[in-house]
Amino acid sequence: MPFNFTLLARLIRGHRIRLVLGLAVVVLWSLLFPVIYEAFKGQAVNVPGKPSGFTNFSTLASTIAIGFIHPISIALFGMLSAGLAVGAISGERQRGTLELLLAKPIGRRTIVLTVLLEGWIGAALVSGANVLGTIAGAQIAGVSSELSAEYLPALWAFSTLFWGMFTTIAAAASSSFDRTAPAMGTTVSFIMANYIVEVIGSFWDVAEPYQYLSLFHHFVPADLLVGTNDLSAAAIFGAIALAAALWGLIVFPRRDLAAPN
């Protein structure tokens, strides 16, 4: 069996407070955007001569999209997906408990796959919480008629894949280091580098041609909410996730784990 559900239960139990409180915050946070849309309906507060998806409240879809790319959302999504995996292996190593885990009849690849499973569960839950909050907010604001419910599953799936990709990168980093700090630094730097490229390209013409280099540029919730599914973006996210998973599955079993300092 590729997963160890006893280990999975232990991992989730250790993160249960973060998950419960974090998911509640995500629901409340995402609930705000349909309400904001109702307040600013028809307005687009953009930089002159430069339309920006970061300040466009002209449609419900574009307003909800802002909620997915807002810095607070990035922090919440990251904490509840990649944040679960980034210290799962390196943290055990840092505390000196990884050797005890490896002494049990659990293969190293099984450990990596179980860590990935928890992270992907987190990505699915936080994406679902965001969609749930969006539905509740649309009901409260009285704009549910403008929300195309048939496209919400696609939004949830793409969001899960997007943050599952970052989760897999976090797990690969955790598999590669003996301390949580460098694993977390690598993961956060990768996420922030992609986000900064997207933000700068949205406001600066010189940087706009390089926006395609950002993974955030290929995740467009506004398009998903109107039925435009970019399968090439899904392929990109899936390929990166697969490459990161293979890295973890190859590197961690081959590591010579000397006694921690």
Protein backbone atom coordinates (compact mmCIF):
# COMPACT_ATOMS: atom_id res chain seq x y z
CA MET A 1 0.00 0.00 0.00
CA PRO A 2 1.53 3.37 -1.03
CA PHE A 3 0.11 5.24 1.99
CA ASN A 4 0.29 4.63 5.71
CA PHE A 5 -3.01 5.74 7.22
CA THR A 6 -1.74 5.51 10.78
CA LEU A 7 0.93 8.07 9.89
CA LEU A 8 -1.66 10.12 7.98
CA ALA A 9 -3.92 10.22 11.05
CA ARG A 10 -0.97 11.31 13.18
CA LEU A 11 -0.07 14.10 10.75
CA ILE A 12 -3.64 15.39 10.54
CA ARG A 13 -4.01 15.18 14.33
CA GLY A 14 -0.90 17.29 14.73
CA HIS A 15 -2.31 19.94 12.37
CA ARG A 16 -5.94 19.76 13.48
CA ILE A 17 -6.05 23.14 15.24
CA ARG A 18 -4.41 24.90 12.30
CA LEU A 19 -6.82 23.22 9.90
CA VAL A 20 -10.01 23.96 11.87
CA LEU A 21 -9.17 27.60 12.61
CA GLY A 22 -7.61 28.22 9.21
CA LEU A 23 -10.52 26.80 7.24
CA ALA A 24 -12.96 28.87 9.30
CA VAL A 25 -10.96 32.01 8.50
CA VAL A 26 -10.91 31.10 4.79
CA VAL A 27 -14.71 30.74 4.73
CA LEU A 28 -15.16 34.13 6.40
CA TRP A 29 -12.53 35.78 4.18
CA SER A 30 -13.97 34.46 0.91
CA LEU A 31 -17.46 35.40 2.08
CA LEU A 32 -16.44 39.08 1.93
CA PHE A 33 -15.82 39.29 -1.81
CA PRO A 34 -19.38 38.89 -3.10
CA VAL A 35 -20.38 41.49 -0.47
CA ILE A 36 -17.62 43.80 -1.76
CA TYR A 37 -18.85 43.22 -5.29
CA GLU A 38 -22.37 44.30 -4.32
CA ALA A 39 -20.92 47.47 -2.77
CA PHE A 40 -18.69 48.34 -5.75
CA LYS A 41 -20.76 46.76 -8.53
CA GLY A 42 -19.86 48.04 -11.97
CA GLN A 43 -16.66 49.76 -10.86
CA ALA A 44 -13.13 48.96 -11.96
CA VAL A 45 -10.49 50.72 -9.89
CA ASN A 46 -7.51 50.33 -12.19
CA VAL A 47 -4.22 52.03 -12.79
CA PRO A 48 -4.84 54.59 -15.61
CA GLY A 49 -4.35 52.96 -18.96
CA LYS A 50 -3.51 49.63 -17.37
CA PRO A 51 -6.41 47.25 -16.60
CA SER A 52 -5.60 45.08 -13.61
CA GLY A 53 -7.23 41.91 -12.34
CA PHE A 54 -6.16 42.94 -8.86
CA THR A 55 -8.63 45.84 -8.61
CA ASN A 56 -11.45 44.94 -10.99
CA PHE A 57 -14.87 44.79 -9.31
CA SER A 58 -16.85 45.09 -12.55
CA THR A 59 -18.21 41.52 -12.44
CA LEU A 60 -18.82 38.99 -9.71
CA ALA A 61 -16.33 36.58 -11.32
CA SER A 62 -13.54 39.17 -11.40
CA THR A 63 -14.24 40.15 -7.79
CA ILE A 64 -14.12 36.53 -6.63
CA ALA A 65 -10.88 36.14 -8.60
CA ILE A 66 -9.34 38.93 -6.53
CA GLY A 67 -10.08 36.83 -3.46
CA PHE A 68 -7.95 34.01 -4.86
CA ILE A 69 -4.89 36.18 -5.61
CA HIS A 70 -5.02 38.58 -2.67
CA PRO A 71 -1.88 38.38 -0.47
CA ILE A 72 -3.98 37.32 2.53
CA SER A 73 -5.45 34.49 0.45
CA ILE A 74 -1.98 33.42 -0.67
CA ALA A 75 -0.89 33.23 2.98
CA LEU A 76 -3.98 31.27 4.02
CA PHE A 77 -3.85 28.84 1.10
CA GLY A 78 -0.11 28.33 1.56
CA MET A 79 -0.41 27.73 5.31
CA LEU A 80 -3.16 25.14 4.87
CA SER A 81 -1.60 23.24 1.97
CA ALA A 82 2.15 23.61 1.45
CA GLY A 83 2.53 24.58 5.11
CA LEU A 84 1.37 21.12 6.15
CA ALA A 85 4.06 19.34 4.16
CA VAL A 86 7.06 21.64 4.47
CA GLY A 87 8.01 20.53 7.97
CA ALA A 88 6.64 17.00 7.90
CA ILE A 89 9.96 15.28 7.16
CA SER A 90 12.55 17.99 7.87
CA GLY A 91 10.78 18.76 11.14
CA GLU A 92 11.01 15.12 12.24
CA ARG A 93 14.67 15.17 11.29
CA GLN A 94 15.28 18.40 13.20
CA ARG A 95 13.61 17.04 16.34
CA GLY A 96 15.56 13.79 16.09
CA THR A 97 12.40 11.69 15.76
CA LEU A 98 12.78 10.70 12.11
CA GLU A 99 15.00 7.75 13.06
CA LEU A 100 12.22 6.44 15.32
CA LEU A 101 9.75 6.72 12.44
CA LEU A 102 12.12 4.94 10.05
CA ALA A 103 12.61 2.17 12.61
CA LYS A 104 8.99 1.21 12.09
CA PRO A 105 7.98 -1.00 9.15
CA ILE A 106 7.25 2.00 6.95
CA GLY A 107 9.18 2.53 3.73
CA ARG A 108 10.70 5.92 2.98
CA ARG A 109 8.64 6.30 -0.18
CA THR A 110 5.50 5.50 1.83
CA ILE A 111 6.40 8.34 4.21
CA VAL A 112 6.82 10.79 1.31
CA LEU A 113 3.56 9.70 -0.33
CA THR A 114 1.66 9.97 2.98
CA VAL A 115 3.02 13.48 3.55
CA LEU A 116 1.91 14.37 0.03
CA LEU A 117 -1.54 12.94 0.67
CA GLU A 118 -2.01 15.10 3.76
CA GLY A 119 -0.87 18.20 1.88
CA TRP A 120 -3.21 17.51 -1.02
CA ILE A 121 -6.08 16.94 1.40
CA GLY A 122 -5.26 20.35 2.85
CA ALA A 123 -5.26 21.89 -0.64
CA ALA A 124 -8.64 20.33 -1.39
CA LEU A 125 -10.11 21.46 1.94
CA VAL A 126 -8.90 25.06 1.69
CA SER A 127 -10.14 25.29 -1.91
CA GLY A 128 -13.49 23.88 -0.84
CA ALA A 129 -13.68 26.33 2.07
CA ASN A 130 -13.08 29.20 -0.32
CA VAL A 131 -15.83 28.01 -2.66
CA LEU A 132 -18.19 27.48 0.28
CA GLY A 133 -17.53 30.99 1.56
CA THR A 134 -18.10 32.40 -1.92
CA ILE A 135 -21.49 30.69 -2.14
CA ALA A 136 -22.47 31.94 1.32
CA GLY A 137 -21.30 35.47 0.49
CA ALA A 138 -23.29 35.51 -2.75
CA GLN A 139 -26.40 34.50 -0.80
CA ILE A 140 -25.83 37.19 1.83
CA ALA A 141 -25.17 39.89 -0.77
CA GLY A 142 -28.14 38.83 -2.88
CA VAL A 143 -26.05 38.21 -6.00
CA SER A 144 -26.35 34.42 -6.16
CA SER A 145 -28.14 34.74 -9.51
CA GLU A 146 -24.86 36.05 -10.97
CA LEU A 147 -22.87 33.09 -9.65
CA SER A 148 -22.70 30.20 -12.11
CA ALA A 149 -22.80 27.25 -9.74
CA GLU A 150 -22.06 24.75 -12.52
CA TYR A 151 -18.54 26.17 -12.86
CA LEU A 152 -17.66 26.03 -9.16
CA PRO A 153 -16.45 22.38 -9.29
CA ALA A 154 -13.93 23.35 -11.98
CA LEU A 155 -12.77 26.28 -9.84
CA TRP A 156 -12.35 23.94 -6.88
CA ALA A 157 -10.46 21.37 -8.96
CA PHE A 158 -8.06 23.91 -10.50
CA SER A 159 -7.45 25.55 -7.12
CA THR A 160 -6.74 22.15 -5.56
CA LEU A 161 -4.33 21.27 -8.37
CA PHE A 162 -2.63 24.68 -8.18
CA TRP A 163 -2.01 24.54 -4.43
CA GLY A 164 -1.37 20.81 -4.53
CA MET A 165 1.50 21.62 -6.87
CA PHE A 166 3.03 23.98 -4.30
CA THR A 167 2.38 21.35 -1.62
CA THR A 168 4.35 18.80 -3.62
CA ILE A 169 7.24 21.26 -3.98
CA ALA A 170 7.13 21.80 -0.20
CA ALA A 171 7.23 18.05 0.43
CA ALA A 172 10.18 17.69 -1.96
CA ALA A 173 12.00 20.46 -0.10
CA SER A 174 11.19 18.83 3.23
CA SER A 175 12.64 15.56 1.91
CA SER A 176 15.87 17.29 0.95
CA PHE A 177 16.84 19.16 4.13
CA ASP A 178 17.63 18.29 7.74
CA ARG A 179 16.03 21.47 9.08
CA THR A 180 12.63 23.05 8.54
CA ALA A 181 14.00 26.57 7.98
CA PRO A 182 15.74 25.91 4.63
CA ALA A 183 12.82 23.78 3.43
CA MET A 184 10.38 26.53 4.30
CA GLY A 185 12.66 29.22 2.85
CA THR A 186 12.90 27.35 -0.45
CA THR A 187 9.15 26.84 -0.67
CA VAL A 188 8.16 30.37 0.35
CA SER A 189 10.77 31.90 -1.97
CA PHE A 190 9.45 29.90 -4.91
CA ILE A 191 5.84 30.91 -4.22
CA MET A 192 6.71 34.58 -3.64
CA ALA A 193 8.95 34.78 -6.72
CA ASN A 194 6.05 33.59 -8.88
CA TYR A 195 3.62 35.96 -7.18
CA ILE A 196 5.93 38.98 -7.49
CA VAL A 197 6.48 38.36 -11.21
CA GLU A 198 2.70 38.28 -11.71
CA VAL A 199 2.06 41.42 -9.66
CA ILE A 200 4.84 43.48 -11.24
CA GLY A 201 3.74 42.39 -14.72
CA SER A 202 0.19 43.55 -13.95
CA PHE A 203 1.30 47.11 -13.21
CA TRP A 204 4.49 47.61 -15.23
CA ASP A 205 4.50 47.38 -19.02
CA VAL A 206 8.19 46.47 -19.14
CA ALA A 207 7.60 43.35 -17.03
CA GLU A 208 4.33 42.32 -18.72
CA PRO A 209 5.97 40.13 -21.42
CA TYR A 210 7.47 37.98 -18.64
CA GLN A 211 4.24 37.35 -16.75
CA TYR A 212 3.86 33.97 -18.44
CA LEU A 213 6.84 32.81 -16.35
CA SER A 214 4.69 33.09 -13.22
CA LEU A 215 2.54 30.10 -12.30
CA PHE A 216 -0.02 32.52 -10.89
CA HIS A 217 -0.47 33.91 -14.39
CA HIS A 218 -1.85 30.55 -15.53
CA PHE A 219 -4.36 30.24 -12.70
CA VAL A 220 -7.27 32.51 -13.71
CA PRO A 221 -10.34 32.05 -11.47
CA ALA A 222 -12.30 34.69 -13.40
CA ASP A 223 -12.08 32.58 -16.56
CA LEU A 224 -12.97 29.38 -14.72
CA LEU A 225 -16.11 31.03 -13.33
CA VAL A 226 -17.37 31.72 -16.83
CA GLY A 227 -16.62 28.25 -18.13
CA THR A 228 -13.25 28.84 -19.77
CA ASN A 229 -11.02 25.93 -18.73
CA ASP A 230 -7.39 26.19 -19.79
CA LEU A 231 -6.28 22.57 -19.86
CA SER A 232 -2.74 23.62 -20.76
CA ALA A 233 -2.51 25.33 -17.36
CA ALA A 234 -3.66 22.13 -15.67
CA ALA A 235 -0.98 20.25 -17.61
CA ILE A 236 1.69 22.70 -16.42
CA PHE A 237 0.62 22.39 -12.78
CA GLY A 238 0.42 18.61 -13.04
CA ALA A 239 3.83 18.30 -14.69
CA ILE A 240 5.53 20.44 -12.04
CA ALA A 241 3.79 18.51 -9.26
CA LEU A 242 4.87 15.21 -10.82
CA ALA A 243 8.48 16.38 -11.16
CA ALA A 244 8.55 17.54 -7.54
CA ALA A 245 6.99 14.27 -6.33
CA LEU A 246 9.58 12.24 -8.25
CA TRP A 247 12.33 14.36 -6.70
CA GLY A 248 11.09 13.57 -3.19
CA LEU A 249 10.56 9.89 -3.97
CA ILE A 250 14.06 9.54 -5.42
CA VAL A 251 16.08 11.81 -3.12
CA PHE A 252 14.69 10.89 0.31
CA PRO A 253 15.19 7.10 0.04
CA ARG A 254 18.78 7.67 -1.08
CA ARG A 255 19.73 10.09 1.69
CA ASP A 256 22.31 8.98 4.22
CA LEU A 257 20.81 10.27 7.46
CA ALA A 258 23.62 10.68 9.94
CA ALA A 259 22.87 11.38 13.60
CA PRO A 260 21.48 14.92 13.98
CA ASN A 261 23.68 17.56 15.56
